[in-house]
């Protein structure tokens, strides 16, 4: 097992912008896998701003997340839906769409699903 590791989102190892300038994903790798901080700007919607990058009909990432600020609405492919806000923890399986609710950016930390999120597909 690796020793003590310190990384900071102040200097992420990778930054992935979303379509239309609607935010970005910043990644740091702690050795056990990447941790991501996504900033979703008002008006951001997965099906508009990430779907063209992902090339799938809905988000196929599983998320284990903590909402720092803003609000995020998630609708599963089966119709189940939930809205998340500051202080909420989220477990979200693959097969969903999501979007920012309101006029404040939504900032999310994710320990599971951002490794391939908004990553251009090899073509």
C-alpha atoms as a PDB file:
ATOM      1  CA  UNK A   1       0.000   0.000   0.000  1.00  0.00           C
ATOM      2  CA  UNK A   2       1.221   3.485  -0.837  1.00  0.00           C
ATOM      3  CA  UNK A   3       2.213   5.914   1.851  1.00  0.00           C
ATOM      4  CA  UNK A   4       0.525   9.170   2.679  1.00  0.00           C
ATOM      5  CA  UNK A   5      -0.625  11.023  -0.466  1.00  0.00           C
ATOM      6  CA  UNK A   6      -1.621  14.681  -0.788  1.00  0.00           C
ATOM      7  CA  UNK A   7      -3.176  16.216  -3.910  1.00  0.00           C
ATOM      8  CA  UNK A   8      -5.072  19.451  -4.432  1.00  0.00           C
ATOM      9  CA  UNK A   9      -7.762  20.625  -6.820  1.00  0.00           C
ATOM     10  CA  UNK A  10      -5.782  23.892  -6.894  1.00  0.00           C
ATOM     11  CA  UNK A  11      -3.453  22.038  -9.284  1.00  0.00           C
ATOM     12  CA  UNK A  12      -5.438  19.166 -10.804  1.00  0.00           C
ATOM     13  CA  UNK A  13      -3.653  16.582 -12.920  1.00  0.00           C
ATOM     14  CA  UNK A  14      -6.326  16.766 -15.608  1.00  0.00           C
ATOM     15  CA  UNK A  15      -9.058  19.232 -16.559  1.00  0.00           C
ATOM     16  CA  UNK A  16     -11.896  18.294 -18.927  1.00  0.00           C
ATOM     17  CA  UNK A  17     -14.114  21.124 -20.163  1.00  0.00           C
ATOM     18  CA  UNK A  18     -17.796  20.540 -20.911  1.00  0.00           C
ATOM     19  CA  UNK A  19     -19.416  21.478 -24.221  1.00  0.00           C
ATOM     20  CA  UNK A  20     -20.576  25.083 -24.572  1.00  0.00           C
ATOM     21  CA  UNK A  21     -18.329  26.365 -21.785  1.00  0.00           C
ATOM     22  CA  UNK A  22     -20.826  25.089 -19.209  1.00  0.00           C
ATOM     23  CA  UNK A  23     -18.243  23.940 -16.691  1.00  0.00           C
ATOM     24  CA  UNK A  24     -15.356  21.586 -16.197  1.00  0.00           C
ATOM     25  CA  UNK A  25     -14.172  18.455 -14.458  1.00  0.00           C
ATOM     26  CA  UNK A  26     -10.925  18.557 -12.486  1.00  0.00           C
ATOM     27  CA  UNK A  27      -9.228  15.280 -11.535  1.00  0.00           C
ATOM     28  CA  UNK A  28      -6.567  14.276  -9.036  1.00  0.00           C
ATOM     29  CA  UNK A  29      -5.308  10.699  -8.695  1.00  0.00           C
ATOM     30  CA  UNK A  30      -4.588   9.479  -5.182  1.00  0.00           C
ATOM     31  CA  UNK A  31      -3.197   6.157  -6.386  1.00  0.00           C
ATOM     32  CA  UNK A  32      -6.348   4.248  -5.417  1.00  0.00           C
ATOM     33  CA  UNK A  33      -8.195   5.968  -8.267  1.00  0.00           C
ATOM     34  CA  UNK A  34      -9.180   9.427  -9.388  1.00  0.00           C
ATOM     35  CA  UNK A  35     -11.233  11.885  -7.376  1.00  0.00           C
ATOM     36  CA  UNK A  36     -13.084  14.502  -9.365  1.00  0.00           C
ATOM     37  CA  UNK A  37     -14.489  17.943  -8.734  1.00  0.00           C
ATOM     38  CA  UNK A  38     -17.082  18.978 -11.284  1.00  0.00           C
ATOM     39  CA  UNK A  39     -18.336  22.521 -11.637  1.00  0.00           C
ATOM     40  CA  UNK A  40     -21.611  22.560 -13.545  1.00  0.00           C
ATOM     41  CA  UNK A  41     -22.561  26.080 -14.632  1.00  0.00           C
ATOM     42  CA  UNK A  42     -26.200  27.263 -14.696  1.00  0.00           C
ATOM     43  CA  UNK A  43     -27.839  25.830 -17.813  1.00  0.00           C
ATOM     44  CA  UNK A  44     -25.623  22.718 -17.796  1.00  0.00           C
ATOM     45  CA  UNK A  45     -27.352  19.464 -18.710  1.00  0.00           C
ATOM     46  CA  UNK A  46     -25.632  16.116 -19.219  1.00  0.00           C
ATOM     47  CA  UNK A  47     -27.650  15.329 -22.375  1.00  0.00           C
ATOM     48  CA  UNK A  48     -26.536  18.620 -23.967  1.00  0.00           C
ATOM     49  CA  UNK A  49     -23.048  19.257 -22.606  1.00  0.00           C
ATOM     50  CA  UNK A  50     -21.538  15.789 -22.028  1.00  0.00           C
ATOM     51  CA  UNK A  51     -23.546  13.407 -24.235  1.00  0.00           C
ATOM     52  CA  UNK A  52     -21.715  14.625 -27.388  1.00  0.00           C
ATOM     53  CA  UNK A  53     -18.418  13.798 -25.640  1.00  0.00           C
ATOM     54  CA  UNK A  54     -19.547  10.470 -24.122  1.00  0.00           C
ATOM     55  CA  UNK A  55     -21.385   9.171 -27.175  1.00  0.00           C
ATOM     56  CA  UNK A  56     -24.013   7.331 -25.085  1.00  0.00           C
ATOM     57  CA  UNK A  57     -27.763   7.948 -24.784  1.00  0.00           C
ATOM     58  CA  UNK A  58     -27.538   8.562 -21.030  1.00  0.00           C
ATOM     59  CA  UNK A  59     -24.730   8.868 -18.500  1.00  0.00           C
ATOM     60  CA  UNK A  60     -23.263   5.407 -17.959  1.00  0.00           C
ATOM     61  CA  UNK A  61     -21.048   6.392 -15.015  1.00  0.00           C
ATOM     62  CA  UNK A  62     -21.915   5.327 -11.471  1.00  0.00           C
ATOM     63  CA  UNK A  63     -21.462   8.193  -9.026  1.00  0.00           C
ATOM     64  CA  UNK A  64     -20.601   8.294  -5.327  1.00  0.00           C
ATOM     65  CA  UNK A  65     -20.732  12.028  -4.731  1.00  0.00           C
ATOM     66  CA  UNK A  66     -20.990  14.900  -2.291  1.00  0.00           C
ATOM     67  CA  UNK A  67     -22.714  18.144  -3.337  1.00  0.00           C
ATOM     68  CA  UNK A  68     -20.764  21.189  -2.162  1.00  0.00           C
ATOM     69  CA  UNK A  69     -22.960  23.931  -3.618  1.00  0.00           C
ATOM     70  CA  UNK A  70     -25.789  24.507  -6.055  1.00  0.00           C
ATOM     71  CA  UNK A  71     -28.552  22.070  -6.982  1.00  0.00           C
ATOM     72  CA  UNK A  72     -28.563  19.062  -9.293  1.00  0.00           C
ATOM     73  CA  UNK A  73     -31.630  17.211 -10.620  1.00  0.00           C
ATOM     74  CA  UNK A  74     -31.057  13.591 -11.676  1.00  0.00           C
ATOM     75  CA  UNK A  75     -33.565  11.506 -13.636  1.00  0.00           C
ATOM     76  CA  UNK A  76     -32.884   7.805 -14.119  1.00  0.00           C
ATOM     77  CA  UNK A  77     -33.671   6.040 -17.396  1.00  0.00           C
ATOM     78  CA  UNK A  78     -36.497   4.223 -15.542  1.00  0.00           C
ATOM     79  CA  UNK A  79     -38.099   7.537 -14.495  1.00  0.00           C
ATOM     80  CA  UNK A  80     -36.926   7.671 -10.865  1.00  0.00           C
ATOM     81  CA  UNK A  81     -35.809  11.203  -9.999  1.00  0.00           C
ATOM     82  CA  UNK A  82     -34.243  13.157  -7.164  1.00  0.00           C
ATOM     83  CA  UNK A  83     -32.898  16.658  -6.574  1.00  0.00           C
ATOM     84  CA  UNK A  84     -29.649  17.098  -4.624  1.00  0.00           C
ATOM     85  CA  UNK A  85     -28.281  20.172  -2.868  1.00  0.00           C
ATOM     86  CA  UNK A  86     -25.487  21.336  -0.559  1.00  0.00           C
ATOM     87  CA  UNK A  87     -24.526  18.737   2.026  1.00  0.00           C
ATOM     88  CA  UNK A  88     -26.227  15.852   0.217  1.00  0.00           C
ATOM     89  CA  UNK A  89     -24.439  12.597  -0.512  1.00  0.00           C
ATOM     90  CA  UNK A  90     -25.471  10.837  -3.707  1.00  0.00           C
ATOM     91  CA  UNK A  91     -25.242   7.251  -4.900  1.00  0.00           C
ATOM     92  CA  UNK A  92     -26.315   7.190  -8.540  1.00  0.00           C
ATOM     93  CA  UNK A  93     -26.143   4.085 -10.759  1.00  0.00           C
ATOM     94  CA  UNK A  94     -25.490   4.219 -14.520  1.00  0.00           C
ATOM     95  CA  UNK A  95     -28.335   5.259 -16.807  1.00  0.00           C
ATOM     96  CA  UNK A  96     -29.362   8.827 -16.021  1.00  0.00           C
ATOM     97  CA  UNK A  97     -29.523  12.435 -17.152  1.00  0.00           C
ATOM     98  CA  UNK A  98     -28.818  15.372 -14.869  1.00  0.00           C
ATOM     99  CA  UNK A  99     -28.961  19.154 -14.928  1.00  0.00           C
ATOM    100  CA  UNK A 100     -28.354  22.235 -12.820  1.00  0.00           C
ATOM    101  CA  UNK A 101     -31.410  23.672 -11.091  1.00  0.00           C
ATOM    102  CA  UNK A 102     -31.377  27.431 -10.562  1.00  0.00           C
ATOM    103  CA  UNK A 103     -28.826  30.116 -11.315  1.00  0.00           C
ATOM    104  CA  UNK A 104     -25.945  29.005  -9.069  1.00  0.00           C
ATOM    105  CA  UNK A 105     -23.134  26.704 -10.248  1.00  0.00           C
ATOM    106  CA  UNK A 106     -23.342  23.177  -8.831  1.00  0.00           C
ATOM    107  CA  UNK A 107     -20.040  21.864  -7.461  1.00  0.00           C
ATOM    108  CA  UNK A 108     -19.761  18.117  -6.889  1.00  0.00           C
ATOM    109  CA  UNK A 109     -16.966  15.914  -5.514  1.00  0.00           C
ATOM    110  CA  UNK A 110     -17.099  12.333  -6.818  1.00  0.00           C
ATOM    111  CA  UNK A 111     -15.043   9.328  -5.689  1.00  0.00           C
ATOM    112  CA  UNK A 112     -16.331   6.798  -8.175  1.00  0.00           C
ATOM    113  CA  UNK A 113     -17.687   7.937 -11.519  1.00  0.00           C
ATOM    114  CA  UNK A 114     -15.447  10.640 -12.926  1.00  0.00           C
ATOM    115  CA  UNK A 115     -12.554   8.542 -14.283  1.00  0.00           C
ATOM    116  CA  UNK A 116     -14.113   8.429 -17.769  1.00  0.00           C
ATOM    117  CA  UNK A 117     -16.720  11.215 -17.337  1.00  0.00           C
ATOM    118  CA  UNK A 118     -16.574  13.772 -20.179  1.00  0.00           C
ATOM    119  CA  UNK A 119     -13.550  11.963 -21.583  1.00  0.00           C
ATOM    120  CA  UNK A 120     -13.458  12.063 -25.368  1.00  0.00           C
ATOM    121  CA  UNK A 121     -13.949   8.612 -26.842  1.00  0.00           C
ATOM    122  CA  UNK A 122     -11.066   7.139 -28.851  1.00  0.00           C
ATOM    123  CA  UNK A 123     -12.081   7.284 -32.423  1.00  0.00           C
END
